[in-house]
């Protein structure tokens, strides 16, 4: 229990160092892309992808990165539990929504016309 507490006390310092490494890697990618602007786009994109993957790997080693990865795994599990609508249900729902939009638009147009007619009648 004490070993766990002592390592967790050092983790914020290590996390700060890891985030600094991530910032340096991202800055290197931005600077390198600008510095090597005359080079082939393919080489620049490959370099940025390598640096981004390294930065992502380092970021996933932090406490927030681990929490983010856990969130992604849990979200994937929850998405698998969703019962997706069939094509027929989707089509019916879409048609209902479109019909309601048309009805509300007509009501608003009628109300706007009525109020416009009243105001122009009052103003003269």
PDB file of N, CA and C in Angstrom:
ATOM      1  N   UNK A   1       0.823  -1.184   0.000  1.00  0.00           N
ATOM      2  CA  UNK A   1       0.000   0.000   0.000  1.00  0.00           C
ATOM      3  C   UNK A   1       0.866   1.245   0.000  1.00  0.00           C
ATOM      4  N   UNK A   2       1.956   1.228   0.785  1.00  0.00           N
ATOM      5  CA  UNK A   2       2.844   2.379   0.835  1.00  0.00           C
ATOM      6  C   UNK A   2       3.590   2.561  -0.473  1.00  0.00           C
ATOM      7  N   UNK A   3       3.952   1.442  -1.135  1.00  0.00           N
ATOM      8  CA  UNK A   3       4.646   1.545  -2.417  1.00  0.00           C
ATOM      9  C   UNK A   3       3.736   2.200  -3.447  1.00  0.00           C
ATOM     10  N   UNK A   4       2.457   1.872  -3.400  1.00  0.00           N
ATOM     11  CA  UNK A   4       1.498   2.468  -4.322  1.00  0.00           C
ATOM     12  C   UNK A   4       1.375   3.967  -4.073  1.00  0.00           C
ATOM     13  N   UNK A   5       1.372   4.377  -2.827  1.00  0.00           N
ATOM     14  CA  UNK A   5       1.237   5.785  -2.488  1.00  0.00           C
ATOM     15  C   UNK A   5       2.482   6.560  -2.900  1.00  0.00           C
ATOM     16  N   UNK A   6       3.655   5.970  -2.717  1.00  0.00           N
ATOM     17  CA  UNK A   6       4.875   6.693  -3.050  1.00  0.00           C
ATOM     18  C   UNK A   6       5.021   6.855  -4.559  1.00  0.00           C
ATOM     19  N   UNK A   7       4.605   5.843  -5.349  1.00  0.00           N
ATOM     20  CA  UNK A   7       4.691   5.994  -6.795  1.00  0.00           C
ATOM     21  C   UNK A   7       3.641   6.965  -7.301  1.00  0.00           C
ATOM     22  N   UNK A   8       2.457   6.980  -6.670  1.00  0.00           N
ATOM     23  CA  UNK A   8       1.436   7.910  -7.129  1.00  0.00           C
ATOM     24  C   UNK A   8       1.788   9.345  -6.776  1.00  0.00           C
ATOM     25  N   UNK A   9       2.628   9.555  -5.751  1.00  0.00           N
ATOM     26  CA  UNK A   9       3.066  10.902  -5.405  1.00  0.00           C
ATOM     27  C   UNK A   9       4.034  11.433  -6.455  1.00  0.00           C
ATOM     28  N   UNK A  10       4.806  10.548  -7.097  1.00  0.00           N
ATOM     29  CA  UNK A  10       5.738  10.969  -8.136  1.00  0.00           C
ATOM     30  C   UNK A  10       5.083  11.102  -9.506  1.00  0.00           C
ATOM     31  N   UNK A  11       3.912  10.520  -9.669  1.00  0.00           N
ATOM     32  CA  UNK A  11       3.256  10.536 -10.973  1.00  0.00           C
ATOM     33  C   UNK A  11       2.938  11.928 -11.499  1.00  0.00           C
ATOM     34  N   UNK A  12       2.467  12.879 -10.695  1.00  0.00           N
ATOM     35  CA  UNK A  12       2.212  14.209 -11.259  1.00  0.00           C
ATOM     36  C   UNK A  12       3.471  14.855 -11.823  1.00  0.00           C
ATOM     37  N   UNK A  13       4.616  14.642 -11.180  1.00  0.00           N
ATOM     38  CA  UNK A  13       5.864  15.195 -11.701  1.00  0.00           C
ATOM     39  C   UNK A  13       6.231  14.525 -13.019  1.00  0.00           C
ATOM     40  N   UNK A  14       6.077  13.194 -13.051  1.00  0.00           N
ATOM     41  CA  UNK A  14       6.375  12.477 -14.291  1.00  0.00           C
ATOM     42  C   UNK A  14       5.376  12.842 -15.379  1.00  0.00           C
ATOM     43  N   UNK A  15       4.106  13.022 -15.007  1.00  0.00           N
ATOM     44  CA  UNK A  15       3.101  13.427 -15.993  1.00  0.00           C
ATOM     45  C   UNK A  15       3.448  14.782 -16.585  1.00  0.00           C
ATOM     46  N   UNK A  16       3.919  15.688 -15.750  1.00  0.00           N
ATOM     47  CA  UNK A  16       4.308  17.008 -16.240  1.00  0.00           C
ATOM     48  C   UNK A  16       5.456  16.881 -17.232  1.00  0.00           C
ATOM     49  N   UNK A  17       6.405  16.021 -16.940  1.00  0.00           N
ATOM     50  CA  UNK A  17       7.518  15.785 -17.859  1.00  0.00           C
ATOM     51  C   UNK A  17       7.024  15.154 -19.164  1.00  0.00           C
ATOM     52  N   UNK A  18       6.114  14.206 -19.041  1.00  0.00           N
ATOM     53  CA  UNK A  18       5.564  13.556 -20.244  1.00  0.00           C
ATOM     54  C   UNK A  18       4.809  14.557 -21.106  1.00  0.00           C
ATOM     55  N   UNK A  19       4.023  15.439 -20.486  1.00  0.00           N
ATOM     56  CA  UNK A  19       3.297  16.449 -21.268  1.00  0.00           C
ATOM     57  C   UNK A  19       4.270  17.428 -21.916  1.00  0.00           C
ATOM     58  N   UNK A  20       5.379  17.713 -21.242  1.00  0.00           N
ATOM     59  CA  UNK A  20       6.404  18.572 -21.842  1.00  0.00           C
ATOM     60  C   UNK A  20       6.993  17.900 -23.080  1.00  0.00           C
ATOM     61  N   UNK A  21       7.225  16.586 -23.003  1.00  0.00           N
ATOM     62  CA  UNK A  21       7.726  15.847 -24.162  1.00  0.00           C
ATOM     63  C   UNK A  21       6.709  15.900 -25.299  1.00  0.00           C
ATOM     64  N   UNK A  22       5.438  15.769 -24.975  1.00  0.00           N
ATOM     65  CA  UNK A  22       4.384  15.841 -26.005  1.00  0.00           C
ATOM     66  C   UNK A  22       4.406  17.213 -26.679  1.00  0.00           C
ATOM     67  N   UNK A  23       4.521  18.273 -25.880  1.00  0.00           N
ATOM     68  CA  UNK A  23       4.551  19.626 -26.444  1.00  0.00           C
ATOM     69  C   UNK A  23       5.777  19.804 -27.334  1.00  0.00           C
ATOM     70  N   UNK A  24       6.912  19.283 -26.908  1.00  0.00           N
ATOM     71  CA  UNK A  24       8.131  19.393 -27.719  1.00  0.00           C
ATOM     72  C   UNK A  24       7.966  18.627 -29.032  1.00  0.00           C
ATOM     73  N   UNK A  25       7.375  17.450 -28.992  1.00  0.00           N
ATOM     74  CA  UNK A  25       7.171  16.673 -30.217  1.00  0.00           C
ATOM     75  C   UNK A  25       6.227  17.390 -31.178  1.00  0.00           C
ATOM     76  N   UNK A  26       5.153  17.961 -30.653  1.00  0.00           N
ATOM     77  CA  UNK A  26       4.212  18.694 -31.514  1.00  0.00           C
ATOM     78  C   UNK A  26       4.890  19.933 -32.095  1.00  0.00           C
ATOM     79  N   UNK A  27       5.647  20.649 -31.269  1.00  0.00           N
ATOM     80  CA  UNK A  27       6.363  21.829 -31.755  1.00  0.00           C
ATOM     81  C   UNK A  27       7.386  21.443 -32.816  1.00  0.00           C
ATOM     82  N   UNK A  28       8.062  20.305 -32.618  1.00  0.00           N
ATOM     83  CA  UNK A  28       9.020  19.835 -33.616  1.00  0.00           C
ATOM     84  C   UNK A  28       8.318  19.525 -34.934  1.00  0.00           C
ATOM     85  N   UNK A  29       7.139  18.965 -34.865  1.00  0.00           N
ATOM     86  CA  UNK A  29       6.380  18.688 -36.083  1.00  0.00           C
ATOM     87  C   UNK A  29       5.991  19.961 -36.815  1.00  0.00           C
ATOM     88  N   UNK A  30       5.530  20.954 -36.061  1.00  0.00           N
ATOM     89  CA  UNK A  30       5.132  22.225 -36.684  1.00  0.00           C
ATOM     90  C   UNK A  30       6.347  22.926 -37.279  1.00  0.00           C
ATOM     91  N   UNK A  31       7.423  23.011 -36.500  1.00  0.00           N
ATOM     92  CA  UNK A  31       8.638  23.664 -36.975  1.00  0.00           C
ATOM     93  C   UNK A  31       9.229  22.914 -38.166  1.00  0.00           C
ATOM     94  N   UNK A  32       9.289  21.598 -38.064  1.00  0.00           N
ATOM     95  CA  UNK A  32       9.849  20.794 -39.150  1.00  0.00           C
ATOM     96  C   UNK A  32       9.054  20.926 -40.433  1.00  0.00           C
ATOM     97  N   UNK A  33       7.745  20.997 -40.323  1.00  0.00           N
ATOM     98  CA  UNK A  33       6.912  21.161 -41.511  1.00  0.00           C
ATOM     99  C   UNK A  33       7.183  22.502 -42.181  1.00  0.00           C
ATOM    100  N   UNK A  34       7.376  23.544 -41.388  1.00  0.00           N
ATOM    101  CA  UNK A  34       7.668  24.861 -41.960  1.00  0.00           C
ATOM    102  C   UNK A  34       9.101  24.923 -42.492  1.00  0.00           C
ATOM    103  N   UNK A  35      10.031  24.323 -41.760  1.00  0.00           N
ATOM    104  CA  UNK A  35      11.449  24.383 -42.148  1.00  0.00           C
ATOM    105  C   UNK A  35      11.701  23.608 -43.440  1.00  0.00           C
ATOM    106  N   UNK A  36      11.043  22.475 -43.587  1.00  0.00           N
ATOM    107  CA  UNK A  36      11.233  21.643 -44.774  1.00  0.00           C
ATOM    108  C   UNK A  36      10.098  21.839 -45.779  1.00  0.00           C
ATOM    109  N   UNK A  37       9.656  23.059 -45.955  1.00  0.00           N
ATOM    110  CA  UNK A  37       8.526  23.346 -46.845  1.00  0.00           C
ATOM    111  C   UNK A  37       8.827  22.987 -48.300  1.00  0.00           C
ATOM    112  N   UNK A  38      10.111  23.028 -48.685  1.00  0.00           N
ATOM    113  CA  UNK A  38      10.467  22.723 -50.082  1.00  0.00           C
ATOM    114  C   UNK A  38      10.543  21.222 -50.345  1.00  0.00           C
ATOM    115  N   UNK A  39      10.571  20.425 -49.297  1.00  0.00           N
ATOM    116  CA  UNK A  39      10.633  18.966 -49.461  1.00  0.00           C
ATOM    117  C   UNK A  39       9.290  18.433 -49.957  1.00  0.00           C
ATOM    118  N   UNK A  40       9.298  17.192 -50.366  1.00  0.00           N
ATOM    119  CA  UNK A  40       8.088  16.549 -50.863  1.00  0.00           C
ATOM    120  C   UNK A  40       7.018  16.497 -49.766  1.00  0.00           C
ATOM    121  N   UNK A  41       5.773  16.710 -50.174  1.00  0.00           N
ATOM    122  CA  UNK A  41       4.660  16.674 -49.232  1.00  0.00           C
ATOM    123  C   UNK A  41       4.555  15.305 -48.571  1.00  0.00           C
ATOM    124  N   UNK A  42       4.851  14.265 -49.316  1.00  0.00           N
ATOM    125  CA  UNK A  42       4.784  12.912 -48.774  1.00  0.00           C
ATOM    126  C   UNK A  42       5.726  12.748 -47.587  1.00  0.00           C
ATOM    127  N   UNK A  43       6.962  13.220 -47.724  1.00  0.00           N
ATOM    128  CA  UNK A  43       7.928  13.092 -46.634  1.00  0.00           C
ATOM    129  C   UNK A  43       7.513  13.918 -45.425  1.00  0.00           C
ATOM    130  N   UNK A  44       6.981  15.100 -45.671  1.00  0.00           N
ATOM    131  CA  UNK A  44       6.546  15.939 -44.556  1.00  0.00           C
ATOM    132  C   UNK A  44       5.372  15.306 -43.823  1.00  0.00           C
ATOM    133  N   UNK A  45       4.412  14.754 -44.565  1.00  0.00           N
ATOM    134  CA  UNK A  45       3.253  14.101 -43.943  1.00  0.00           C
ATOM    135  C   UNK A  45       3.696  12.871 -43.153  1.00  0.00           C
ATOM    136  N   UNK A  46       4.612  12.088 -43.713  1.00  0.00           N
ATOM    137  CA  UNK A  46       5.109  10.915 -42.992  1.00  0.00           C
ATOM    138  C   UNK A  46       5.826  11.332 -41.709  1.00  0.00           C
ATOM    139  N   UNK A  47       6.622  12.391 -41.779  1.00  0.00           N
ATOM    140  CA  UNK A  47       7.297  12.884 -40.585  1.00  0.00           C
ATOM    141  C   UNK A  47       6.321  13.348 -39.521  1.00  0.00           C
ATOM    142  N   UNK A  48       5.288  14.067 -39.947  1.00  0.00           N
ATOM    143  CA  UNK A  48       4.277  14.541 -38.999  1.00  0.00           C
ATOM    144  C   UNK A  48       3.523  13.362 -38.395  1.00  0.00           C
ATOM    145  N   UNK A  49       3.205  12.356 -39.208  1.00  0.00           N
ATOM    146  CA  UNK A  49       2.513  11.175 -38.676  1.00  0.00           C
ATOM    147  C   UNK A  49       3.370  10.439 -37.651  1.00  0.00           C
ATOM    148  N   UNK A  50       4.665  10.323 -37.913  1.00  0.00           N
ATOM    149  CA  UNK A  50       5.557   9.658 -36.960  1.00  0.00           C
ATOM    150  C   UNK A  50       5.611  10.449 -35.658  1.00  0.00           C
ATOM    151  N   UNK A  51       5.800  11.776 -35.766  1.00  0.00           N
ATOM    152  CA  UNK A  51       5.860  12.604 -34.555  1.00  0.00           C
ATOM    153  C   UNK A  51       4.531  12.606 -33.810  1.00  0.00           C
ATOM    154  N   UNK A  52       3.416  12.631 -34.547  1.00  0.00           N
ATOM    155  CA  UNK A  52       2.104  12.619 -33.896  1.00  0.00           C
ATOM    156  C   UNK A  52       1.862  11.296 -33.189  1.00  0.00           C
ATOM    157  N   UNK A  53       2.273  10.198 -33.806  1.00  0.00           N
ATOM    158  CA  UNK A  53       2.084   8.901 -33.144  1.00  0.00           C
ATOM    159  C   UNK A  53       2.978   8.794 -31.901  1.00  0.00           C
ATOM    160  N   UNK A  54       4.191   9.343 -31.978  1.00  0.00           N
ATOM    161  CA  UNK A  54       5.053   9.341 -30.797  1.00  0.00           C
ATOM    162  C   UNK A  54       4.446  10.206 -29.696  1.00  0.00           C
ATOM    163  N   UNK A  55       3.936  11.374 -30.053  1.00  0.00           N
ATOM    164  CA  UNK A  55       3.320  12.256 -29.064  1.00  0.00           C
ATOM    165  C   UNK A  55       2.082  11.596 -28.465  1.00  0.00           C
ATOM    166  N   UNK A  56       1.286  10.933 -29.286  1.00  0.00           N
ATOM    167  CA  UNK A  56       0.106  10.231 -28.789  1.00  0.00           C
ATOM    168  C   UNK A  56       0.479   9.094 -27.846  1.00  0.00           C
ATOM    169  N   UNK A  57       1.533   8.372 -28.190  1.00  0.00           N
ATOM    170  CA  UNK A  57       1.980   7.278 -27.323  1.00  0.00           C
ATOM    171  C   UNK A  57       2.429   7.811 -25.968  1.00  0.00           C
ATOM    172  N   UNK A  58       3.195   8.896 -25.981  1.00  0.00           N
ATOM    173  CA  UNK A  58       3.658   9.476 -24.719  1.00  0.00           C
ATOM    174  C   UNK A  58       2.469  10.018 -23.931  1.00  0.00           C
ATOM    175  N   UNK A  59       1.533  10.663 -24.613  1.00  0.00           N
ATOM    176  CA  UNK A  59       0.363  11.231 -23.926  1.00  0.00           C
ATOM    177  C   UNK A  59      -0.487  10.134 -23.292  1.00  0.00           C
ATOM    178  N   UNK A  60      -0.558   8.979 -23.934  1.00  0.00           N
ATOM    179  CA  UNK A  60      -1.347   7.876 -23.370  1.00  0.00           C
ATOM    180  C   UNK A  60      -0.689   7.255 -22.149  1.00  0.00           C
ATOM    181  N   UNK A  61       0.550   7.581 -21.870  1.00  0.00           N
ATOM    182  CA  UNK A  61       1.234   7.066 -20.686  1.00  0.00           C
ATOM    183  C   UNK A  61       0.944   7.900 -19.445  1.00  0.00           C
ATOM    184  N   UNK A  62       0.297   9.061 -19.613  1.00  0.00           N
ATOM    185  CA  UNK A  62      -0.027   9.917 -18.468  1.00  0.00           C
ATOM    186  C   UNK A  62      -1.331   9.456 -17.825  1.00  0.00           C
ATOM    187  N   UNK A  63      -1.635  10.001 -16.661  1.00  0.00           N
ATOM    188  CA  UNK A  63      -2.874   9.634 -15.964  1.00  0.00           C
ATOM    189  C   UNK A  63      -4.088  10.037 -16.792  1.00  0.00           C
ATOM    190  N   UNK A  64      -4.053  11.226 -17.363  1.00  0.00           N
ATOM    191  CA  UNK A  64      -5.184  11.663 -18.198  1.00  0.00           C
ATOM    192  C   UNK A  64      -5.282  10.838 -19.475  1.00  0.00           C
ATOM    193  N   UNK A  65      -4.141  10.450 -20.013  1.00  0.00           N
ATOM    194  CA  UNK A  65      -4.133   9.618 -21.208  1.00  0.00           C
ATOM    195  C   UNK A  65      -4.722   8.243 -20.944  1.00  0.00           C
ATOM    196  N   UNK A  66      -4.386   7.677 -19.796  1.00  0.00           N
ATOM    197  CA  UNK A  66      -4.946   6.371 -19.419  1.00  0.00           C
ATOM    198  C   UNK A  66      -6.453   6.485 -19.216  1.00  0.00           C
ATOM    199  N   UNK A  67      -6.879   7.583 -18.571  1.00  0.00           N
ATOM    200  CA  UNK A  67      -8.313   7.791 -18.363  1.00  0.00           C
ATOM    201  C   UNK A  67      -9.029   7.967 -19.702  1.00  0.00           C
ATOM    202  N   UNK A  68      -8.397   8.670 -20.641  1.00  0.00           N
ATOM    203  CA  UNK A  68      -8.991   8.863 -21.966  1.00  0.00           C
ATOM    204  C   UNK A  68      -9.107   7.534 -22.699  1.00  0.00           C
ATOM    205  N   UNK A  69      -8.072   6.704 -22.634  1.00  0.00           N
ATOM    206  CA  UNK A  69      -8.101   5.407 -23.299  1.00  0.00           C
ATOM    207  C   UNK A  69      -9.189   4.514 -22.690  1.00  0.00           C
ATOM    208  N   UNK A  70      -9.330   4.567 -21.376  1.00  0.00           N
ATOM    209  CA  UNK A  70     -10.384   3.809 -20.702  1.00  0.00           C
ATOM    210  C   UNK A  70     -11.753   4.294 -21.153  1.00  0.00           C
ATOM    211  N   UNK A  71     -11.915   5.603 -21.259  1.00  0.00           N
ATOM    212  CA  UNK A  71     -13.173   6.170 -21.741  1.00  0.00           C
ATOM    213  C   UNK A  71     -13.501   5.679 -23.153  1.00  0.00           C
ATOM    214  N   UNK A  72     -12.499   5.653 -24.036  1.00  0.00           N
ATOM    215  CA  UNK A  72     -12.730   5.164 -25.397  1.00  0.00           C
ATOM    216  C   UNK A  72     -13.159   3.698 -25.407  1.00  0.00           C
ATOM    217  N   UNK A  73     -12.514   2.883 -24.584  1.00  0.00           N
ATOM    218  CA  UNK A  73     -12.886   1.463 -24.533  1.00  0.00           C
ATOM    219  C   UNK A  73     -14.302   1.280 -23.997  1.00  0.00           C
ATOM    220  N   UNK A  74     -14.648   2.057 -22.961  1.00  0.00           N
ATOM    221  CA  UNK A  74     -15.994   1.959 -22.407  1.00  0.00           C
ATOM    222  C   UNK A  74     -17.041   2.472 -23.389  1.00  0.00           C
ATOM    223  N   UNK A  75     -16.712   3.517 -24.127  1.00  0.00           N
ATOM    224  CA  UNK A  75     -17.646   4.044 -25.129  1.00  0.00           C
ATOM    225  C   UNK A  75     -17.878   3.015 -26.228  1.00  0.00           C
ATOM    226  N   UNK A  76     -16.817   2.320 -26.620  1.00  0.00           N
ATOM    227  CA  UNK A  76     -16.957   1.281 -27.644  1.00  0.00           C
ATOM    228  C   UNK A  76     -17.871   0.161 -27.147  1.00  0.00           C
ATOM    229  N   UNK A  77     -17.727  -0.201 -25.881  1.00  0.00           N
ATOM    230  CA  UNK A  77     -18.584  -1.230 -25.291  1.00  0.00           C
ATOM    231  C   UNK A  77     -20.036  -0.763 -25.279  1.00  0.00           C
ATOM    232  N   UNK A  78     -20.265   0.489 -24.922  1.00  0.00           N
ATOM    233  CA  UNK A  78     -21.634   1.019 -24.878  1.00  0.00           C
ATOM    234  C   UNK A  78     -22.244   1.103 -26.273  1.00  0.00           C
ATOM    235  N   UNK A  79     -21.442   1.448 -27.276  1.00  0.00           N
ATOM    236  CA  UNK A  79     -21.961   1.534 -28.646  1.00  0.00           C
ATOM    237  C   UNK A  79     -22.422   0.161 -29.122  1.00  0.00           C
ATOM    238  N   UNK A  80     -21.727  -0.876 -28.691  1.00  0.00           N
ATOM    239  CA  UNK A  80     -22.128  -2.232 -29.084  1.00  0.00           C
ATOM    240  C   UNK A  80     -23.466  -2.632 -28.463  1.00  0.00           C
ATOM    241  N   UNK A  81     -23.837  -1.990 -27.357  1.00  0.00           N
ATOM    242  CA  UNK A  81     -25.099  -2.307 -26.683  1.00  0.00           C
ATOM    243  C   UNK A  81     -26.294  -1.600 -27.317  1.00  0.00           C
ATOM    244  N   UNK A  82     -26.037  -0.595 -28.160  1.00  0.00           N
ATOM    245  CA  UNK A  82     -27.122   0.198 -28.737  1.00  0.00           C
ATOM    246  C   UNK A  82     -27.897  -0.637 -29.747  1.00  0.00           C
ATOM    247  N   UNK A  83     -29.219  -0.521 -29.686  1.00  0.00           N
ATOM    248  CA  UNK A  83     -30.064  -1.167 -30.683  1.00  0.00           C
ATOM    249  C   UNK A  83     -30.351  -0.130 -31.757  1.00  0.00           C
ATOM    250  N   UNK A  84     -29.721  -0.309 -32.915  1.00  0.00           N
ATOM    251  CA  UNK A  84     -29.858   0.669 -33.979  1.00  0.00           C
ATOM    252  C   UNK A  84     -31.178   0.443 -34.722  1.00  0.00           C
ATOM    253  N   UNK A  85     -31.817   1.543 -35.180  1.00  0.00           N
ATOM    254  CA  UNK A  85     -33.094   1.383 -35.891  1.00  0.00           C
ATOM    255  C   UNK A  85     -32.888   0.752 -37.266  1.00  0.00           C
ATOM    256  N   UNK A  86     -33.961   0.117 -37.730  1.00  0.00           N
ATOM    257  CA  UNK A  86     -33.906  -0.476 -39.067  1.00  0.00           C
ATOM    258  C   UNK A  86     -34.077   0.630 -40.101  1.00  0.00           C
ATOM    259  N   UNK A  87     -33.905   0.273 -41.371  1.00  0.00           N
ATOM    260  CA  UNK A  87     -34.078   1.260 -42.438  1.00  0.00           C
ATOM    261  C   UNK A  87     -35.505   1.799 -42.458  1.00  0.00           C
ATOM    262  N   UNK A  88     -36.468   0.913 -42.246  1.00  0.00           N
ATOM    263  CA  UNK A  88     -37.866   1.338 -42.272  1.00  0.00           C
ATOM    264  C   UNK A  88     -38.162   2.308 -41.130  1.00  0.00           C
ATOM    265  N   UNK A  89     -37.654   2.011 -39.941  1.00  0.00           N
ATOM    266  CA  UNK A  89     -37.868   2.913 -38.800  1.00  0.00           C
ATOM    267  C   UNK A  89     -37.202   4.267 -39.042  1.00  0.00           C
ATOM    268  N   UNK A  90     -36.019   4.246 -39.606  1.00  0.00           N
ATOM    269  CA  UNK A  90     -35.315   5.498 -39.900  1.00  0.00           C
ATOM    270  C   UNK A  90     -36.083   6.311 -40.924  1.00  0.00           C
ATOM    271  N   UNK A  91     -36.579   5.660 -41.965  1.00  0.00           N
ATOM    272  CA  UNK A  91     -37.337   6.354 -43.010  1.00  0.00           C
ATOM    273  C   UNK A  91     -38.615   6.965 -42.423  1.00  0.00           C
ATOM    274  N   UNK A  92     -39.339   6.195 -41.609  1.00  0.00           N
ATOM    275  CA  UNK A  92     -40.578   6.703 -41.012  1.00  0.00           C
ATOM    276  C   UNK A  92     -40.309   7.895 -40.089  1.00  0.00           C
ATOM    277  N   UNK A  93     -39.282   7.787 -39.275  1.00  0.00           N
ATOM    278  CA  UNK A  93     -38.949   8.883 -38.364  1.00  0.00           C
ATOM    279  C   UNK A  93     -38.547  10.128 -39.142  1.00  0.00           C
ATOM    280  N   UNK A  94     -37.775   9.943 -40.198  1.00  0.00           N
ATOM    281  CA  UNK A  94     -37.364  11.080 -41.023  1.00  0.00           C
ATOM    282  C   UNK A  94     -38.569  11.753 -41.662  1.00  0.00           C
ATOM    283  N   UNK A  95     -39.498  10.968 -42.174  1.00  0.00           N
ATOM    284  CA  UNK A  95     -40.693  11.549 -42.790  1.00  0.00           C
ATOM    285  C   UNK A  95     -41.551  12.292 -41.770  1.00  0.00           C
ATOM    286  N   UNK A  96     -41.661  11.764 -40.564  1.00  0.00           N
ATOM    287  CA  UNK A  96     -42.427  12.443 -39.509  1.00  0.00           C
ATOM    288  C   UNK A  96     -41.774  13.775 -39.156  1.00  0.00           C
ATOM    289  N   UNK A  97     -40.459  13.765 -39.025  1.00  0.00           N
ATOM    290  CA  UNK A  97     -39.750  15.006 -38.695  1.00  0.00           C
ATOM    291  C   UNK A  97     -39.924  16.030 -39.809  1.00  0.00           C
ATOM    292  N   UNK A  98     -39.817  15.600 -41.056  1.00  0.00           N
ATOM    293  CA  UNK A  98     -39.994  16.527 -42.184  1.00  0.00           C
ATOM    294  C   UNK A  98     -41.414  17.093 -42.207  1.00  0.00           C
ATOM    295  N   UNK A  99     -42.405  16.265 -41.931  1.00  0.00           N
ATOM    296  CA  UNK A  99     -43.791  16.740 -41.923  1.00  0.00           C
ATOM    297  C   UNK A  99     -44.007  17.765 -40.807  1.00  0.00           C
ATOM    298  N   UNK A 100     -43.465  17.506 -39.628  1.00  0.00           N
ATOM    299  CA  UNK A 100     -43.605  18.451 -38.512  1.00  0.00           C
ATOM    300  C   UNK A 100     -42.911  19.760 -38.835  1.00  0.00           C
ATOM    301  N   UNK A 101     -41.754  19.699 -39.476  1.00  0.00           N
ATOM    302  CA  UNK A 101     -41.047  20.923 -39.859  1.00  0.00           C
ATOM    303  C   UNK A 101     -41.879  21.743 -40.839  1.00  0.00           C
ATOM    304  N   UNK A 102     -42.501  21.092 -41.800  1.00  0.00           N
ATOM    305  CA  UNK A 102     -43.340  21.809 -42.773  1.00  0.00           C
ATOM    306  C   UNK A 102     -44.537  22.437 -42.071  1.00  0.00           C
ATOM    307  N   UNK A 103     -45.186  21.709 -41.175  1.00  0.00           N
ATOM    308  CA  UNK A 103     -46.355  22.243 -40.469  1.00  0.00           C
ATOM    309  C   UNK A 103     -45.965  23.445 -39.624  1.00  0.00           C
ATOM    310  N   UNK A 104     -44.874  23.350 -38.881  1.00  0.00           N
ATOM    311  CA  UNK A 104     -44.431  24.464 -38.043  1.00  0.00           C
ATOM    312  C   UNK A 104     -44.035  25.652 -38.915  1.00  0.00           C
ATOM    313  N   UNK A 105     -43.381  25.400 -40.044  1.00  0.00           N
ATOM    314  CA  UNK A 105     -43.014  26.483 -40.953  1.00  0.00           C
ATOM    315  C   UNK A 105     -44.256  27.192 -41.483  1.00  0.00           C
ATOM    316  N   UNK A 106     -45.287  26.437 -41.830  1.00  0.00           N
ATOM    317  CA  UNK A 106     -46.528  27.055 -42.317  1.00  0.00           C
ATOM    318  C   UNK A 106     -47.203  27.862 -41.209  1.00  0.00           C
ATOM    319  N   UNK A 107     -47.210  27.334 -39.992  1.00  0.00           N
ATOM    320  CA  UNK A 107     -47.792  28.080 -38.882  1.00  0.00           C
ATOM    321  C   UNK A 107     -47.037  29.383 -38.623  1.00  0.00           C
ATOM    322  N   UNK A 108     -45.731  29.322 -38.640  1.00  0.00           N
ATOM    323  CA  UNK A 108     -44.939  30.533 -38.431  1.00  0.00           C
ATOM    324  C   UNK A 108     -45.132  31.527 -39.569  1.00  0.00           C
ATOM    325  N   UNK A 109     -45.229  31.041 -40.797  1.00  0.00           N
ATOM    326  CA  UNK A 109     -45.476  31.922 -41.940  1.00  0.00           C
ATOM    327  C   UNK A 109     -46.839  32.596 -41.797  1.00  0.00           C
ATOM    328  N   UNK A 110     -47.852  31.825 -41.400  1.00  0.00           N
ATOM    329  CA  UNK A 110     -49.186  32.400 -41.211  1.00  0.00           C
ATOM    330  C   UNK A 110     -49.201  33.421 -40.087  1.00  0.00           C
ATOM    331  N   UNK A 111     -48.552  33.116 -38.979  1.00  0.00           N
ATOM    332  CA  UNK A 111     -48.484  34.062 -37.861  1.00  0.00           C
ATOM    333  C   UNK A 111     -47.736  35.320 -38.264  1.00  0.00           C
ATOM    334  N   UNK A 112     -46.662  35.179 -38.995  1.00  0.00           N
ATOM    335  CA  UNK A 112     -45.888  36.333 -39.454  1.00  0.00           C
ATOM    336  C   UNK A 112     -46.719  37.185 -40.410  1.00  0.00           C
ATOM    337  N   UNK A 113     -47.440  36.538 -41.303  1.00  0.00           N
ATOM    338  CA  UNK A 113     -48.294  37.291 -42.238  1.00  0.00           C
ATOM    339  C   UNK A 113     -49.402  38.023 -41.489  1.00  0.00           C
ATOM    340  N   UNK A 114     -50.027  37.373 -40.517  1.00  0.00           N
ATOM    341  CA  UNK A 114     -51.089  38.005 -39.746  1.00  0.00           C
ATOM    342  C   UNK A 114     -50.564  39.206 -38.968  1.00  0.00           C
ATOM    343  N   UNK A 115     -49.444  39.029 -38.272  1.00  0.00           N
ATOM    344  CA  UNK A 115     -48.868  40.128 -37.513  1.00  0.00           C
ATOM    345  C   UNK A 115     -48.417  41.262 -38.429  1.00  0.00           C
ATOM    346  N   UNK A 116     -47.861  40.934 -39.566  1.00  0.00           N
ATOM    347  CA  UNK A 116     -47.458  41.959 -40.538  1.00  0.00           C
ATOM    348  C   UNK A 116     -48.669  42.735 -41.033  1.00  0.00           C
ATOM    349  N   UNK A 117     -49.769  42.037 -41.313  1.00  0.00           N
ATOM    350  CA  UNK A 117     -50.997  42.698 -41.784  1.00  0.00           C
ATOM    351  C   UNK A 117     -51.565  43.599 -40.684  1.00  0.00           C
ATOM    352  N   UNK A 118     -51.563  43.121 -39.425  1.00  0.00           N
ATOM    353  CA  UNK A 118     -52.054  43.940 -38.311  1.00  0.00           C
ATOM    354  C   UNK A 118     -51.209  45.194 -38.103  1.00  0.00           C
ATOM    355  N   UNK A 119     -49.890  45.047 -38.115  1.00  0.00           N
ATOM    356  CA  UNK A 119     -49.008  46.184 -37.897  1.00  0.00           C
ATOM    357  C   UNK A 119     -49.145  47.197 -39.032  1.00  0.00           C
ATOM    358  N   UNK A 120     -49.210  46.737 -40.265  1.00  0.00           N
ATOM    359  CA  UNK A 120     -49.376  47.683 -41.381  1.00  0.00           C
ATOM    360  C   UNK A 120     -50.750  48.335 -41.342  1.00  0.00           C
ATOM    361  N   UNK A 121     -51.763  47.647 -40.804  1.00  0.00           N
ATOM    362  CA  UNK A 121     -53.087  48.263 -40.646  1.00  0.00           C
ATOM    363  C   UNK A 121     -53.100  49.336 -39.574  1.00  0.00           C
ATOM    364  N   UNK A 122     -52.319  49.106 -38.499  1.00  0.00           N
ATOM    365  CA  UNK A 122     -52.243  50.096 -37.421  1.00  0.00           C
ATOM    366  C   UNK A 122     -51.401  51.295 -37.838  1.00  0.00           C
ATOM    367  N   UNK A 123     -50.278  51.024 -38.464  1.00  0.00           N
ATOM    368  CA  UNK A 123     -49.382  52.108 -38.858  1.00  0.00           C
ATOM    369  C   UNK A 123     -49.978  52.916 -40.006  1.00  0.00           C
ATOM    370  N   UNK A 124     -50.634  52.245 -40.890  1.00  0.00           N
ATOM    371  CA  UNK A 124     -51.293  53.005 -41.956  1.00  0.00           C
ATOM    372  C   UNK A 124     -50.691  52.689 -43.239  1.00  0.00           C
TER     373      UNK A 124
END
